[in-house]
Amino acid sequence: MVRAAALVIAGALACVLGLEALFHVLPVSTYTDVGYHIDPRILTYRPGHAFRLSWGWNLENPLRQQANNLGFLSERDFTPDPRALGLIGDSFVDASMLPRGERVGDQVQKVLGARPVYAMGGPGSSLLDYAERMRYASEKLAVRDFVIVLETGDIKQVYCGSGNIHAPCLDRKTGEARVETQPPPSSLKLVLRHSAFLQYMLGHLRFDPAARLARAFAAPPASRPTGGRSYWTGMTEGDIDRIVGEFFERVAPYRKGRLMFVLDSDRLAMNRGDATPDPLREHLMDALRSRGAEVLDLAPVFARYVEETGYHLEISPHDGHWNARATRLVAEAVATALARQ
C-alpha cells in the first residue's frame, strides 16, 4: 500500500515537472512584477522589466513587452519636459494586449510628431488614481498638459473595495477619502509567480479552487432587473458630482495647462445598433465641462466608423479593449482637439 501510494505521488510530481518544463517552452504569460516602484501611491511595472503575455487556454496573441525607465509601457523613457503631453488612464492606455506601435500612446505620438507623449497607463485603476499620476507627472516630469482617458467604469470604481484601486478611494456610504494600497506579495508568492505551470492554471484558465468551492456552496444569485448600463448601477447624478469634485480638488495644484477628458462609449450597445441615450454619461460630461475641462466624446467618432465600415473596435469578443483601429481613431480625434485653441 505504501509503495503504491509512493508511486502515485512520484508519478504526479513527474507530471507536474513535465508540465512545468513544457509551459516554459510555450508562450505562457510571465511575472509582470507590478508594485509601488516609483511612488507609494502609484502602481507600475518594475522599471525596465521585460515580460511575456498571451491569453486564454490556447495562448493566443503572444507578445513581449518591456517597461520604460519609470515602469510604464511606452516606447520612450520619461524625462522632465514641459512640452510633453501626459496621457493617463487604465488598461486602455497601458494596452499590454497590443503590440508596440498600436497602443493609444504610440498612435497619439505618431500623429503629434515631435511633441513627446508620456503614456501613463495603470491596469485596474480609476479616476482618483489618475489624479496621483497627474501629481507625479507635474512634480517630477514638469508636464503641464494632460489627456485623461475615461472608460465606462472609471467613475464608479473609485469606491473602496471595487477591485480597481491602486491607492486613493472613497467610502461608498460616508464619502470619506481613504487610501487602500495593495499589500506586497509574500516570499512564497514571489517564488510561485515564476512557475509557468501555475501562471497557466491561474492566469490563463482562471482556475481558483477556493472560489469554485465557495460558489458550489453559495446560494443562487438573486435575479437582477434588465435594462440600463450596468456600470451605472446604484449611481446617481449626486454620486457623479461628488466623485468629479473630489478629483478636481486633488488635481487643482497641477492644472497648469490643458486638461482634456476622452470618454469611451458603450461600444457593445453600438455594435447591436442600440442608440438608447445615457443620461448619466451626459451628466458626467456636463460635470467635467463645468469645471473647465475639455471633453472629447468618442461616441460619434466610433459610431460613424462602425456604421460606415461594419467593423467592430474591440480586440475580440472576449476582450473589449480598443483594437488598433480604435486607437488610431482616438489618436486622430485627440490631435484634432488639441489643435483647437
Protein backbone atom coordinates (compact mmCIF):
# COMPACT_ATOMS: atom_id res chain seq x y z
CA MET A 1 0.00 0.00 0.00
CA VAL A 2 2.79 2.42 0.95
CA ARG A 3 4.70 1.54 -2.20
CA ALA A 4 1.61 2.11 -4.36
CA ALA A 5 0.99 5.49 -2.71
CA ALA A 6 4.62 6.47 -3.23
CA LEU A 7 4.40 5.56 -6.91
CA VAL A 8 1.23 7.64 -7.33
CA ILE A 9 2.86 10.64 -5.65
CA ALA A 10 6.04 10.23 -7.70
CA GLY A 11 4.01 9.99 -10.89
CA ALA A 12 2.04 13.13 -10.03
CA LEU A 13 5.24 15.05 -9.28
CA ALA A 14 6.80 13.87 -12.53
CA CYS A 15 3.69 15.01 -14.40
CA VAL A 16 3.81 18.46 -12.77
CA LEU A 17 7.52 18.83 -13.51
CA GLY A 18 6.95 17.78 -17.10
CA LEU A 19 4.15 20.33 -17.49
CA GLU A 20 6.34 23.00 -15.88
CA ALA A 21 9.08 22.30 -18.44
CA LEU A 22 6.56 22.31 -21.30
CA PHE A 23 4.96 25.62 -20.26
CA HIS A 24 8.37 27.25 -20.01
CA VAL A 25 8.82 26.48 -23.70
CA LEU A 26 5.31 27.66 -24.66
CA PRO A 27 4.44 31.40 -24.65
CA VAL A 28 2.80 31.38 -21.21
CA SER A 29 2.49 34.80 -19.56
CA THR A 30 5.37 35.59 -17.22
CA TYR A 31 5.61 37.58 -13.98
CA THR A 32 4.92 41.29 -14.59
CA ASP A 33 6.47 42.49 -11.29
CA VAL A 34 3.88 45.18 -10.54
CA GLY A 35 4.43 47.25 -7.40
CA TYR A 36 4.90 50.72 -5.91
CA HIS A 37 8.28 51.13 -7.56
CA ILE A 38 8.31 54.89 -8.26
CA ASP A 39 5.79 56.29 -5.78
CA PRO A 40 3.95 54.93 -2.72
CA ARG A 41 0.57 55.59 -4.39
CA ILE A 42 1.31 54.62 -7.99
CA LEU A 43 1.46 51.02 -9.22
CA THR A 44 3.77 50.34 -12.17
CA TYR A 45 5.81 47.54 -13.60
CA ARG A 46 9.35 47.41 -12.31
CA PRO A 47 11.28 49.97 -14.41
CA GLY A 48 12.96 48.27 -17.35
CA HIS A 49 11.22 44.95 -16.64
CA ALA A 50 10.56 42.72 -19.67
CA PHE A 51 7.77 40.16 -19.64
CA ARG A 52 5.71 37.95 -21.91
CA LEU A 53 1.92 37.91 -22.33
CA SER A 54 -0.61 35.67 -24.02
CA TRP A 55 -4.30 34.99 -23.47
CA GLY A 56 -6.67 32.08 -22.98
CA TRP A 57 -6.18 28.34 -22.83
CA ASN A 58 -4.66 28.35 -26.32
CA LEU A 59 -2.03 31.06 -25.53
CA GLU A 60 -3.27 33.30 -28.32
CA ASN A 61 -1.75 36.62 -29.37
CA PRO A 62 1.64 36.15 -27.64
CA LEU A 63 3.53 39.41 -27.08
CA ARG A 64 6.72 40.57 -25.41
CA GLN A 65 6.51 43.87 -23.55
CA GLN A 66 9.08 45.99 -21.74
CA ALA A 67 8.50 48.79 -19.26
CA ASN A 68 10.33 52.09 -19.67
CA ASN A 69 12.51 53.89 -17.12
CA LEU A 70 9.51 54.62 -14.87
CA GLY A 71 7.70 51.31 -15.26
CA PHE A 72 5.09 52.28 -17.87
CA LEU A 73 4.54 50.62 -21.25
CA SER A 74 5.88 53.22 -23.63
CA GLU A 75 8.37 53.27 -26.46
CA ARG A 76 10.11 56.27 -24.90
CA ASP A 77 11.63 56.95 -21.50
CA PHE A 78 10.09 59.77 -19.49
CA THR A 79 12.33 62.68 -18.52
CA PRO A 80 11.33 66.18 -17.33
CA ASP A 81 9.95 68.09 -20.31
CA PRO A 82 7.26 70.83 -20.11
CA ARG A 83 6.41 70.21 -23.78
CA ALA A 84 5.29 66.66 -23.01
CA LEU A 85 1.66 65.56 -23.10
CA GLY A 86 0.60 63.35 -20.20
CA LEU A 87 -1.76 60.59 -21.40
CA ILE A 88 -3.30 58.91 -18.36
CA GLY A 89 -5.75 56.03 -17.98
CA ASP A 90 -6.15 52.39 -17.02
CA SER A 91 -5.60 49.29 -19.18
CA PHE A 92 -6.89 51.20 -22.22
CA VAL A 93 -3.73 53.33 -22.05
CA ASP A 94 -1.44 50.59 -20.76
CA ALA A 95 -2.74 48.34 -23.59
CA SER A 96 -0.44 45.41 -22.86
CA MET A 97 -2.68 43.31 -25.09
CA LEU A 98 -1.48 45.27 -28.16
CA PRO A 99 1.97 45.23 -29.76
CA ARG A 100 4.23 48.25 -29.81
CA GLY A 101 3.08 50.89 -32.24
CA GLU A 102 -0.61 50.03 -31.84
CA ARG A 103 -1.14 51.24 -28.28
CA VAL A 104 -3.04 54.51 -27.99
CA GLY A 105 0.02 56.38 -26.68
CA ASP A 106 2.07 55.22 -29.66
CA GLN A 107 -0.69 56.24 -32.05
CA VAL A 108 -1.02 59.70 -30.48
CA GLN A 109 2.76 60.07 -30.69
CA LYS A 110 2.69 59.28 -34.43
CA VAL A 111 0.04 61.93 -35.06
CA LEU A 112 1.61 64.64 -32.87
CA GLY A 113 5.10 64.10 -34.25
CA ALA A 114 7.85 65.82 -32.29
CA ARG A 115 5.88 66.56 -29.13
CA PRO A 116 6.64 63.86 -26.51
CA VAL A 117 3.70 61.77 -25.35
CA TYR A 118 4.01 60.23 -21.89
CA ALA A 119 1.55 57.32 -21.78
CA MET A 120 0.99 56.55 -18.10
CA GLY A 121 -1.44 53.65 -18.04
CA GLY A 122 -2.23 51.58 -14.97
CA PRO A 123 -4.41 48.47 -15.36
CA GLY A 124 -7.11 48.10 -12.74
CA SER A 125 -7.18 51.76 -11.70
CA SER A 126 -9.81 54.50 -11.61
CA LEU A 127 -10.31 58.27 -11.58
CA LEU A 128 -8.63 59.13 -8.27
CA ASP A 129 -5.60 57.05 -9.24
CA TYR A 130 -5.32 59.26 -12.32
CA ALA A 131 -5.05 62.27 -10.01
CA GLU A 132 -1.98 60.67 -8.40
CA ARG A 133 -0.34 60.19 -11.79
CA MET A 134 -1.12 63.82 -12.67
CA ARG A 135 0.60 64.85 -9.44
CA TYR A 136 3.65 62.74 -10.22
CA ALA A 137 3.89 63.92 -13.83
CA SER A 138 3.58 67.57 -12.78
CA GLU A 139 6.06 67.40 -9.90
CA LYS A 140 8.66 65.02 -11.34
CA LEU A 141 8.33 65.45 -15.11
CA ALA A 142 7.22 69.11 -15.46
CA VAL A 143 4.17 68.04 -17.52
CA ARG A 144 1.57 70.79 -17.95
CA ASP A 145 -0.97 69.38 -20.43
CA PHE A 146 -2.94 66.22 -19.70
CA VAL A 147 -5.32 63.94 -21.57
CA ILE A 148 -7.31 61.60 -19.31
CA VAL A 149 -8.85 58.52 -20.91
CA LEU A 150 -12.08 57.52 -19.16
CA GLU A 151 -13.67 54.16 -19.78
CA THR A 152 -17.17 53.37 -18.67
CA GLY A 153 -16.35 52.09 -15.19
CA ASP A 154 -13.77 54.64 -14.07
CA ILE A 155 -16.22 56.74 -12.05
CA LYS A 156 -17.98 54.04 -10.06
CA GLN A 157 -14.72 52.17 -9.47
CA VAL A 158 -13.34 54.92 -7.20
CA TYR A 159 -15.34 53.39 -4.35
CA CYS A 160 -13.23 51.42 -1.90
CA GLY A 161 -13.40 47.68 -2.47
CA SER A 162 -14.21 47.95 -6.18
CA GLY A 163 -11.12 45.92 -7.09
CA ASN A 164 -9.88 48.75 -9.32
CA ILE A 165 -8.00 50.81 -6.76
CA HIS A 166 -4.25 51.45 -6.64
CA ALA A 167 -4.33 53.74 -3.58
CA PRO A 168 -6.95 56.53 -3.09
CA CYS A 169 -10.63 55.66 -2.88
CA LEU A 170 -13.92 56.89 -1.42
CA ASP A 171 -16.06 55.09 1.13
CA ARG A 172 -19.35 54.24 -0.59
CA LYS A 173 -21.54 55.06 2.44
CA THR A 174 -19.79 58.04 4.03
CA GLY A 175 -17.93 59.55 1.06
CA GLU A 176 -14.81 59.64 3.24
CA ALA A 177 -11.50 59.55 1.38
CA ARG A 178 -9.21 56.63 2.20
CA VAL A 179 -6.03 55.03 0.91
CA GLU A 180 -6.05 51.31 0.16
CA THR A 181 -2.71 50.17 -1.23
CA GLN A 182 -2.11 46.63 -2.35
CA PRO A 183 -0.01 44.52 0.04
CA PRO A 184 3.37 43.27 -1.20
CA PRO A 185 3.49 39.60 -2.20
CA SER A 186 4.85 37.12 0.32
CA SER A 187 8.16 35.37 -0.29
CA LEU A 188 6.26 32.20 -1.23
CA LYS A 189 4.15 34.05 -3.78
CA LEU A 190 7.24 35.62 -5.30
CA VAL A 191 8.68 32.15 -5.83
CA LEU A 192 5.44 30.64 -7.15
CA ARG A 193 4.92 33.50 -9.62
CA HIS A 194 7.91 32.22 -11.55
CA SER A 195 6.14 28.90 -12.15
CA ALA A 196 4.89 28.69 -15.74
CA PHE A 197 2.51 25.87 -14.80
CA LEU A 198 0.82 27.96 -12.10
CA GLN A 199 0.70 31.01 -14.39
CA TYR A 200 -1.16 28.90 -16.94
CA MET A 201 -3.60 27.43 -14.41
CA LEU A 202 -4.34 30.63 -12.52
CA GLY A 203 -3.83 33.28 -15.20
CA HIS A 204 -4.90 31.59 -18.42
CA LEU A 205 -7.51 29.10 -17.19
CA ARG A 206 -8.61 31.30 -14.25
CA PHE A 207 -8.61 28.18 -12.07
CA ASP A 208 -9.29 29.22 -8.47
CA PRO A 209 -10.10 26.20 -6.25
CA ALA A 210 -11.21 28.35 -3.30
CA ALA A 211 -13.58 30.44 -5.42
CA ARG A 212 -15.07 27.35 -7.08
CA LEU A 213 -15.63 25.72 -3.71
CA ALA A 214 -17.32 28.87 -2.39
CA ARG A 215 -19.60 29.04 -5.43
CA ALA A 216 -20.54 25.38 -5.01
CA PHE A 217 -21.96 26.05 -1.54
CA ALA A 218 -23.28 29.57 -2.15
CA ALA A 219 -26.93 30.39 -2.59
CA PRO A 220 -28.03 31.10 -6.19
CA PRO A 221 -27.67 34.78 -7.09
CA ALA A 222 -30.76 36.93 -6.95
CA SER A 223 -32.16 37.97 -10.29
CA ARG A 224 -31.37 41.50 -11.36
CA PRO A 225 -33.56 43.82 -13.37
CA THR A 226 -32.61 44.07 -17.01
CA GLY A 227 -32.01 47.29 -18.90
CA GLY A 228 -29.77 50.25 -18.22
CA ARG A 229 -26.00 50.42 -18.21
CA SER A 230 -24.52 48.07 -15.61
CA TYR A 231 -21.60 50.41 -14.95
CA TRP A 232 -24.03 52.98 -13.53
CA THR A 233 -25.93 50.54 -11.28
CA GLY A 234 -26.59 52.23 -7.95
CA MET A 235 -25.15 55.56 -9.13
CA THR A 236 -26.89 58.93 -9.15
CA GLU A 237 -26.06 62.37 -10.51
CA GLY A 238 -25.10 63.36 -6.97
CA ASP A 239 -22.59 60.49 -6.81
CA ILE A 240 -21.01 61.62 -10.06
CA ASP A 241 -20.80 65.23 -8.86
CA ARG A 242 -19.15 64.17 -5.59
CA ILE A 243 -16.56 61.96 -7.31
CA VAL A 244 -15.75 64.50 -10.02
CA GLY A 245 -15.49 67.24 -7.39
CA GLU A 246 -13.04 65.13 -5.37
CA PHE A 247 -10.89 64.61 -8.46
CA PHE A 248 -10.72 68.29 -9.35
CA GLU A 249 -9.93 69.25 -5.79
CA ARG A 250 -6.97 66.87 -5.80
CA VAL A 251 -5.55 67.99 -9.15
CA ALA A 252 -6.04 71.73 -8.61
CA PRO A 253 -2.33 72.37 -7.83
CA TYR A 254 -1.26 70.56 -11.02
CA ARG A 255 -3.60 72.18 -13.57
CA LYS A 256 -1.06 74.40 -15.28
CA GLY A 257 -2.09 73.82 -18.88
CA ARG A 258 -4.82 71.99 -20.76
CA LEU A 259 -6.90 69.21 -19.24
CA MET A 260 -8.88 67.06 -21.64
CA PHE A 261 -11.05 64.03 -20.90
CA VAL A 262 -11.52 61.40 -23.60
CA LEU A 263 -14.72 59.42 -22.95
CA ASP A 264 -15.13 55.92 -24.30
CA SER A 265 -18.64 54.88 -25.35
CA ASP A 266 -20.83 51.82 -24.86
CA ARG A 267 -19.37 50.09 -27.90
CA LEU A 268 -21.17 46.78 -27.28
CA ALA A 269 -24.51 48.58 -27.45
CA MET A 270 -23.25 50.40 -30.53
CA ASN A 271 -22.43 47.07 -32.19
CA ARG A 272 -26.02 45.95 -31.54
CA GLY A 273 -27.39 49.14 -33.08
CA ASP A 274 -28.67 50.29 -29.69
CA ALA A 275 -28.79 54.10 -29.66
CA THR A 276 -30.53 54.43 -26.27
CA PRO A 277 -29.49 57.72 -24.59
CA ASP A 278 -27.34 57.51 -21.46
CA PRO A 279 -28.40 60.40 -19.19
CA LEU A 280 -25.75 59.75 -16.51
CA ARG A 281 -23.00 59.77 -19.12
CA GLU A 282 -24.31 63.11 -20.39
CA HIS A 283 -24.33 64.40 -16.83
CA LEU A 284 -20.72 63.28 -16.39
CA MET A 285 -19.65 65.27 -19.45
CA ASP A 286 -21.52 68.32 -18.19
CA ALA A 287 -19.88 67.97 -14.77
CA LEU A 288 -16.40 67.83 -16.33
CA ARG A 289 -17.04 70.82 -18.59
CA SER A 290 -18.49 72.86 -15.75
CA ARG A 291 -15.11 72.63 -14.03
CA GLY A 292 -13.24 73.98 -17.02
CA ALA A 293 -12.07 70.72 -18.60
CA GLU A 294 -12.32 69.88 -22.27
CA VAL A 295 -14.33 66.76 -23.14
CA LEU A 296 -13.82 64.62 -26.22
CA ASP A 297 -16.81 62.32 -26.69
CA LEU A 298 -15.78 59.24 -28.68
CA ALA A 299 -19.35 58.03 -29.21
CA PRO A 300 -19.95 59.87 -32.52
CA VAL A 301 -16.41 59.04 -33.73
CA PHE A 302 -16.84 55.33 -33.07
CA ALA A 303 -20.48 55.17 -34.22
CA ARG A 304 -19.64 56.74 -37.57
CA TYR A 305 -16.79 54.28 -38.14
CA VAL A 306 -18.85 51.20 -37.21
CA GLU A 307 -21.76 52.34 -39.38
CA GLU A 308 -19.58 53.11 -42.40
CA THR A 309 -17.30 50.05 -42.27
CA GLY A 310 -19.19 47.38 -40.35
CA TYR A 311 -16.03 46.65 -38.35
CA HIS A 312 -16.02 46.45 -34.58
CA LEU A 313 -13.47 48.28 -32.45
CA GLU A 314 -12.78 45.61 -29.82
CA ILE A 315 -9.78 43.29 -29.79
CA SER A 316 -12.01 40.22 -29.75
CA PRO A 317 -15.41 39.03 -28.47
CA HIS A 318 -13.61 38.13 -25.23
CA ASP A 319 -11.62 41.36 -24.88
CA GLY A 320 -13.45 44.69 -25.01
CA HIS A 321 -10.32 46.86 -25.09
CA TRP A 322 -9.65 49.06 -28.10
CA ASN A 323 -8.06 47.38 -31.08
CA ALA A 324 -5.61 49.09 -33.44
CA ARG A 325 -8.44 50.63 -35.50
CA ALA A 326 -9.89 52.19 -32.36
CA THR A 327 -6.57 53.55 -31.05
CA ARG A 328 -5.92 55.14 -34.44
CA LEU A 329 -9.34 56.84 -34.37
CA VAL A 330 -8.73 58.04 -30.81
CA ALA A 331 -5.30 59.42 -31.72
CA GLU A 332 -6.67 61.36 -34.67
CA ALA A 333 -9.54 62.76 -32.59
CA VAL A 334 -7.18 63.79 -29.78
CA ALA A 335 -4.80 65.51 -32.19
CA THR A 336 -7.69 67.39 -33.83
CA ALA A 337 -8.99 68.50 -30.45
CA LEU A 338 -5.54 69.62 -29.27
CA ALA A 339 -5.11 71.67 -32.43
CA ARG A 340 -8.06 73.83 -31.38
CA GLN A 341 -7.20 76.77 -29.15
